[in-house]
Amino acid sequence: MLQERSLGPKLPDWKEPPVPEGVPLVGRYAALERLDADRHASDLHRANSASDAIWDYLPYGPFSSAAQYHRWARQVAVGQDPLFYAITNLETGQLGGVASYLRITPQSGSIEVGHINLSPSLQRTRAATEAMYLMMKWAFEAGYRRYEWKCDALNMPSRRAAQRLGLSYEGIFRQATVVKGRNRDTAWFAAIDAEWPALDEAFQIWLAPSNFDAQGQQRESLSSLTRLVRAAGDPEQD
C-alpha cells in the first residue's frame, strides 16, 4: 500500500505580484519617496549626525562628512533591489530616515523590509510607525504573501520593533554573515497575507488621532493591538 504523501495546499488563484517601482507612499504622519541623493542626502546626513549608534548594526556608516554620505546615497538610490525610500515626518516637515524593500521575489510572493535607519529625531514618533505601516500595506495590497524583517540578533531595539509591528518571530540563523569584521547571528521575523487584515486594523486603530491625548501620548499601545495576531513571540521579549 502506497503511503500518502503530504503536500502543501494548491494556490489556484495565485498570481505573481508586481515589482515595487518606488511610488510615493503618503499617510497622515509620514511620507516616503524614492531616495534621491541630490534632494535628500544633506538633510539626512544632518539628522543622522546626532548619533553614530544608529549605524552599529548596518554594514555601512557612520559617515564622517555630508559628501561621503552623498556618495553612498547616490550609489544606492539607483538600485531596484534594495529599493530605497527617504522618510519625511509630516508633523515636523523634516527628513528623518531611510528604509528599503529588498530580497524582492515576486515568483514566491516574498519581500523584505530592511536597511532601516531612523535618525534620533524620527525614532519613537507616529511618523516612524506609519512609515513601516505604509511599506507593509503596499506589499500586501500588491499581492505579496510574505513580508520579512531580519536583523542582527543582538539588535534588541530592532527585534522589539519587529514584534511591536506584528511580525512573528521565526528563529535565529547562527553565524549568518560577517558585518564590519564581526560575527552576525540573524533574527528572522515575518508576517503573512492571512494576518494582514487584522494587522491593518490594528495599525488604523493605533494611528487614529483619537488614540492620542493632547500631549501626543498613546492611549492604547500598538503591541497590545498586534499581540493576538502574531503567530509566535520573540523569546527574548515574551
Protein backbone atom coordinates (compact mmCIF):
# COMPACT_ATOMS: atom_id res chain seq x y z
CA MET A 1 0.00 0.00 0.00
CA LEU A 2 1.39 3.37 -1.01
CA GLN A 3 1.93 5.80 1.82
CA GLU A 4 0.03 9.04 1.40
CA ARG A 5 2.33 11.95 0.73
CA SER A 6 1.94 15.31 2.42
CA LEU A 7 1.90 18.23 0.03
CA GLY A 8 1.24 21.91 0.52
CA PRO A 9 -2.13 23.41 -0.39
CA LYS A 10 -2.63 24.37 -4.02
CA LEU A 11 -2.85 28.05 -4.89
CA PRO A 12 -5.16 28.10 -7.93
CA ASP A 13 -5.66 31.87 -7.81
CA TRP A 14 -2.01 32.73 -7.16
CA LYS A 15 -0.57 35.49 -9.35
CA GLU A 16 2.87 36.99 -9.08
CA PRO A 17 2.75 40.50 -7.60
CA PRO A 18 4.48 43.39 -9.33
CA VAL A 19 7.99 44.52 -8.52
CA PRO A 20 7.88 47.76 -6.49
CA GLU A 21 8.60 50.82 -8.58
CA GLY A 22 9.09 53.29 -5.74
CA VAL A 23 5.77 55.10 -5.95
CA PRO A 24 5.32 57.68 -3.18
CA LEU A 25 3.67 56.36 -0.01
CA VAL A 26 1.85 59.07 1.93
CA GLY A 27 -0.06 58.88 5.18
CA ARG A 28 -1.24 61.23 7.91
CA TYR A 29 2.13 61.49 9.67
CA ALA A 30 4.73 60.18 7.21
CA ALA A 31 5.61 60.44 3.54
CA LEU A 32 8.02 58.15 1.69
CA GLU A 33 9.59 58.85 -1.69
CA ARG A 34 12.40 57.31 -3.69
CA LEU A 35 15.74 58.25 -2.22
CA ASP A 36 17.40 60.98 -4.27
CA ALA A 37 20.92 61.92 -3.23
CA ASP A 38 20.77 65.49 -4.51
CA ARG A 39 17.45 66.22 -2.81
CA HIS A 40 17.77 64.20 0.38
CA ALA A 41 21.37 63.45 1.35
CA SER A 42 22.25 66.74 3.01
CA ASP A 43 19.20 66.80 5.29
CA LEU A 44 19.52 63.11 6.11
CA HIS A 45 23.18 63.42 7.00
CA ARG A 46 22.38 66.36 9.26
CA ALA A 47 19.63 64.37 11.02
CA ASN A 48 21.83 61.28 11.32
CA SER A 49 24.76 63.21 12.79
CA ALA A 50 23.02 63.32 16.17
CA SER A 51 24.09 59.73 16.88
CA ASP A 52 26.68 57.36 15.43
CA ALA A 53 24.99 54.48 17.28
CA ILE A 54 22.28 54.25 14.61
CA TRP A 55 24.88 52.64 12.31
CA ASP A 56 26.03 49.94 14.74
CA TYR A 57 24.21 47.04 13.07
CA LEU A 58 24.34 48.22 9.45
CA PRO A 59 27.12 47.12 7.07
CA TYR A 60 28.00 50.77 6.28
CA GLY A 61 28.32 54.05 8.16
CA PRO A 62 28.74 56.19 10.10
CA PHE A 63 29.66 58.79 7.51
CA SER A 64 32.21 61.41 8.52
CA SER A 65 31.01 64.07 6.10
CA ALA A 66 27.99 65.12 4.09
CA ALA A 67 29.96 64.44 0.91
CA GLN A 68 30.68 60.88 1.99
CA TYR A 69 27.02 60.27 2.78
CA HIS A 70 26.02 61.84 -0.54
CA ARG A 71 28.27 59.40 -2.42
CA TRP A 72 26.70 56.46 -0.58
CA ALA A 73 23.17 57.75 -1.22
CA ARG A 74 23.93 58.30 -4.91
CA GLN A 75 25.12 54.71 -5.26
CA VAL A 76 22.16 53.05 -3.53
CA ALA A 77 19.44 55.37 -4.87
CA VAL A 78 19.67 53.94 -8.39
CA GLY A 79 19.15 50.34 -7.31
CA GLN A 80 15.94 48.36 -7.66
CA ASP A 81 16.81 45.76 -5.01
CA PRO A 82 17.27 47.15 -2.49
CA LEU A 83 14.90 49.96 -3.41
CA PHE A 84 15.43 52.85 -1.00
CA TYR A 85 12.90 55.33 0.32
CA ALA A 86 13.54 58.59 2.17
CA ILE A 87 11.14 59.20 5.07
CA THR A 88 9.71 62.62 5.96
CA ASN A 89 7.93 63.33 9.23
CA LEU A 90 4.91 65.34 8.09
CA GLU A 91 4.33 66.69 11.59
CA THR A 92 7.70 68.47 11.52
CA GLY A 93 8.35 68.66 7.78
CA GLN A 94 11.79 67.15 8.37
CA LEU A 95 13.54 64.29 6.61
CA GLY A 96 14.50 61.74 9.22
CA GLY A 97 15.40 58.35 7.82
CA VAL A 98 15.51 55.73 5.11
CA ALA A 99 14.17 52.22 4.59
CA SER A 100 14.09 49.85 1.65
CA TYR A 101 12.43 46.90 0.06
CA LEU A 102 14.93 44.13 -0.65
CA ARG A 103 15.16 40.43 -1.48
CA ILE A 104 12.18 41.10 -3.70
CA THR A 105 10.97 37.74 -5.02
CA PRO A 106 7.66 38.06 -6.85
CA GLN A 107 7.74 34.44 -8.05
CA SER A 108 7.31 33.28 -4.46
CA GLY A 109 5.42 36.34 -3.25
CA SER A 110 8.10 37.30 -0.73
CA ILE A 111 9.53 40.73 0.04
CA GLU A 112 11.69 42.08 2.86
CA VAL A 113 11.91 45.47 4.54
CA GLY A 114 15.37 46.46 5.63
CA HIS A 115 18.22 48.99 5.66
CA ILE A 116 16.01 50.80 8.17
CA ASN A 117 17.91 53.76 9.54
CA LEU A 118 15.95 56.28 11.60
CA SER A 119 17.59 59.38 12.99
CA PRO A 120 17.04 60.17 16.68
CA SER A 121 14.51 62.85 15.73
CA LEU A 122 12.35 60.29 13.88
CA GLN A 123 12.63 57.44 16.36
CA ARG A 124 9.59 56.79 18.58
CA THR A 125 7.32 59.05 16.53
CA ARG A 126 3.98 58.37 14.89
CA ALA A 127 5.68 59.06 11.58
CA ALA A 128 8.19 56.26 12.12
CA THR A 129 5.44 53.74 12.85
CA GLU A 130 3.31 54.92 9.97
CA ALA A 131 6.25 54.67 7.56
CA MET A 132 6.62 50.99 8.42
CA TYR A 133 2.85 50.52 8.10
CA LEU A 134 2.78 52.15 4.66
CA MET A 135 5.53 49.88 3.37
CA MET A 136 3.80 46.77 4.72
CA LYS A 137 0.45 47.95 3.36
CA TRP A 138 1.82 48.44 -0.15
CA ALA A 139 3.40 44.98 -0.17
CA PHE A 140 0.31 43.07 0.91
CA GLU A 141 -2.09 45.10 -1.22
CA ALA A 142 0.19 44.49 -4.22
CA GLY A 143 -0.27 40.75 -3.67
CA TYR A 144 2.80 39.64 -1.72
CA ARG A 145 2.23 36.64 0.53
CA ARG A 146 5.14 37.11 2.92
CA TYR A 147 6.70 40.24 4.41
CA GLU A 148 10.07 39.71 6.10
CA TRP A 149 12.17 41.58 8.65
CA LYS A 150 15.69 40.43 9.56
CA CYS A 151 18.18 41.98 11.94
CA ASP A 152 21.30 41.28 13.96
CA ALA A 153 20.21 39.03 16.81
CA LEU A 154 21.98 41.42 19.21
CA ASN A 155 19.93 44.36 17.94
CA MET A 156 17.19 44.29 20.57
CA PRO A 157 15.59 47.61 19.52
CA SER A 158 15.05 46.15 16.04
CA ARG A 159 13.68 42.90 17.46
CA ARG A 160 11.29 44.84 19.68
CA ALA A 161 10.21 46.97 16.72
CA ALA A 162 9.50 43.94 14.54
CA GLN A 163 7.35 42.33 17.20
CA ARG A 164 5.55 45.59 18.01
CA LEU A 165 4.67 45.94 14.31
CA GLY A 166 3.07 42.49 14.37
CA LEU A 167 5.75 40.41 12.69
CA SER A 168 6.16 36.92 14.13
CA TYR A 169 9.47 35.57 15.39
CA GLU A 170 10.80 32.72 13.24
CA GLY A 171 14.16 31.95 14.79
CA ILE A 172 17.89 32.69 14.70
CA PHE A 173 20.21 31.86 11.80
CA ARG A 174 23.52 31.30 13.57
CA GLN A 175 26.69 32.75 12.03
CA ALA A 176 24.62 34.02 9.15
CA THR A 177 27.16 36.56 7.96
CA VAL A 178 30.04 38.85 8.87
CA VAL A 179 29.38 42.58 9.32
CA LYS A 180 32.19 45.08 9.89
CA GLY A 181 34.52 42.24 10.80
CA ARG A 182 32.18 40.81 13.43
CA ASN A 183 30.04 37.70 13.50
CA ARG A 184 26.32 38.25 12.98
CA ASP A 185 23.60 35.86 14.03
CA THR A 186 20.40 36.93 12.27
CA ALA A 187 16.95 37.05 13.85
CA TRP A 188 14.07 36.40 11.45
CA PHE A 189 10.56 37.86 11.66
CA ALA A 190 7.71 37.81 9.14
CA ALA A 191 4.03 38.47 8.59
CA ILE A 192 1.91 36.67 6.01
CA ASP A 193 -1.05 37.75 3.95
CA ALA A 194 -3.60 35.88 6.07
CA GLU A 195 -2.56 38.07 9.02
CA TRP A 196 -2.69 41.33 7.13
CA PRO A 197 -6.40 42.24 7.60
CA ALA A 198 -6.06 42.06 11.38
CA LEU A 199 -2.72 43.89 11.33
CA ASP A 200 -4.16 46.58 9.08
CA GLU A 201 -7.00 47.13 11.54
CA ALA A 202 -4.55 47.29 14.45
CA PHE A 203 -2.46 49.95 12.71
CA GLN A 204 -5.51 52.01 11.81
CA ILE A 205 -6.71 51.95 15.42
CA TRP A 206 -3.28 52.93 16.73
CA LEU A 207 -2.70 55.68 14.16
CA ALA A 208 -6.14 57.27 14.65
CA PRO A 209 -5.91 60.76 16.20
CA SER A 210 -8.35 59.60 18.90
CA ASN A 211 -5.69 57.16 20.17
CA PHE A 212 -3.53 60.07 21.37
CA ASP A 213 -4.14 62.58 24.14
CA ALA A 214 -3.46 66.30 23.98
CA GLN A 215 0.22 65.70 24.76
CA GLY A 216 0.54 63.13 21.97
CA GLN A 217 0.74 60.16 24.33
CA GLN A 218 -0.84 56.93 23.11
CA ARG A 219 -3.95 55.64 24.83
CA GLU A 220 -3.51 52.07 23.57
CA SER A 221 -0.16 50.56 22.58
CA LEU A 222 0.43 49.02 19.18
CA SER A 223 1.98 45.97 20.83
CA SER A 224 -1.28 45.24 22.64
CA LEU A 225 -3.18 45.50 19.36
CA THR A 226 -0.84 43.23 17.38
CA ARG A 227 -0.12 40.65 20.10
CA LEU A 228 -3.04 38.35 19.24
CA VAL A 229 -2.20 38.45 15.52
CA ARG A 230 1.37 37.23 15.85
CA ALA A 231 1.87 33.50 15.29
CA ALA A 232 4.91 33.41 17.59
CA GLY A 233 6.62 35.76 20.01
CA ASP A 234 10.30 36.54 20.41
CA PRO A 235 11.53 34.50 23.42
CA GLU A 236 13.80 37.39 24.40
CA GLN A 237 10.72 39.58 24.85
CA ASP A 238 7.71 37.42 25.71
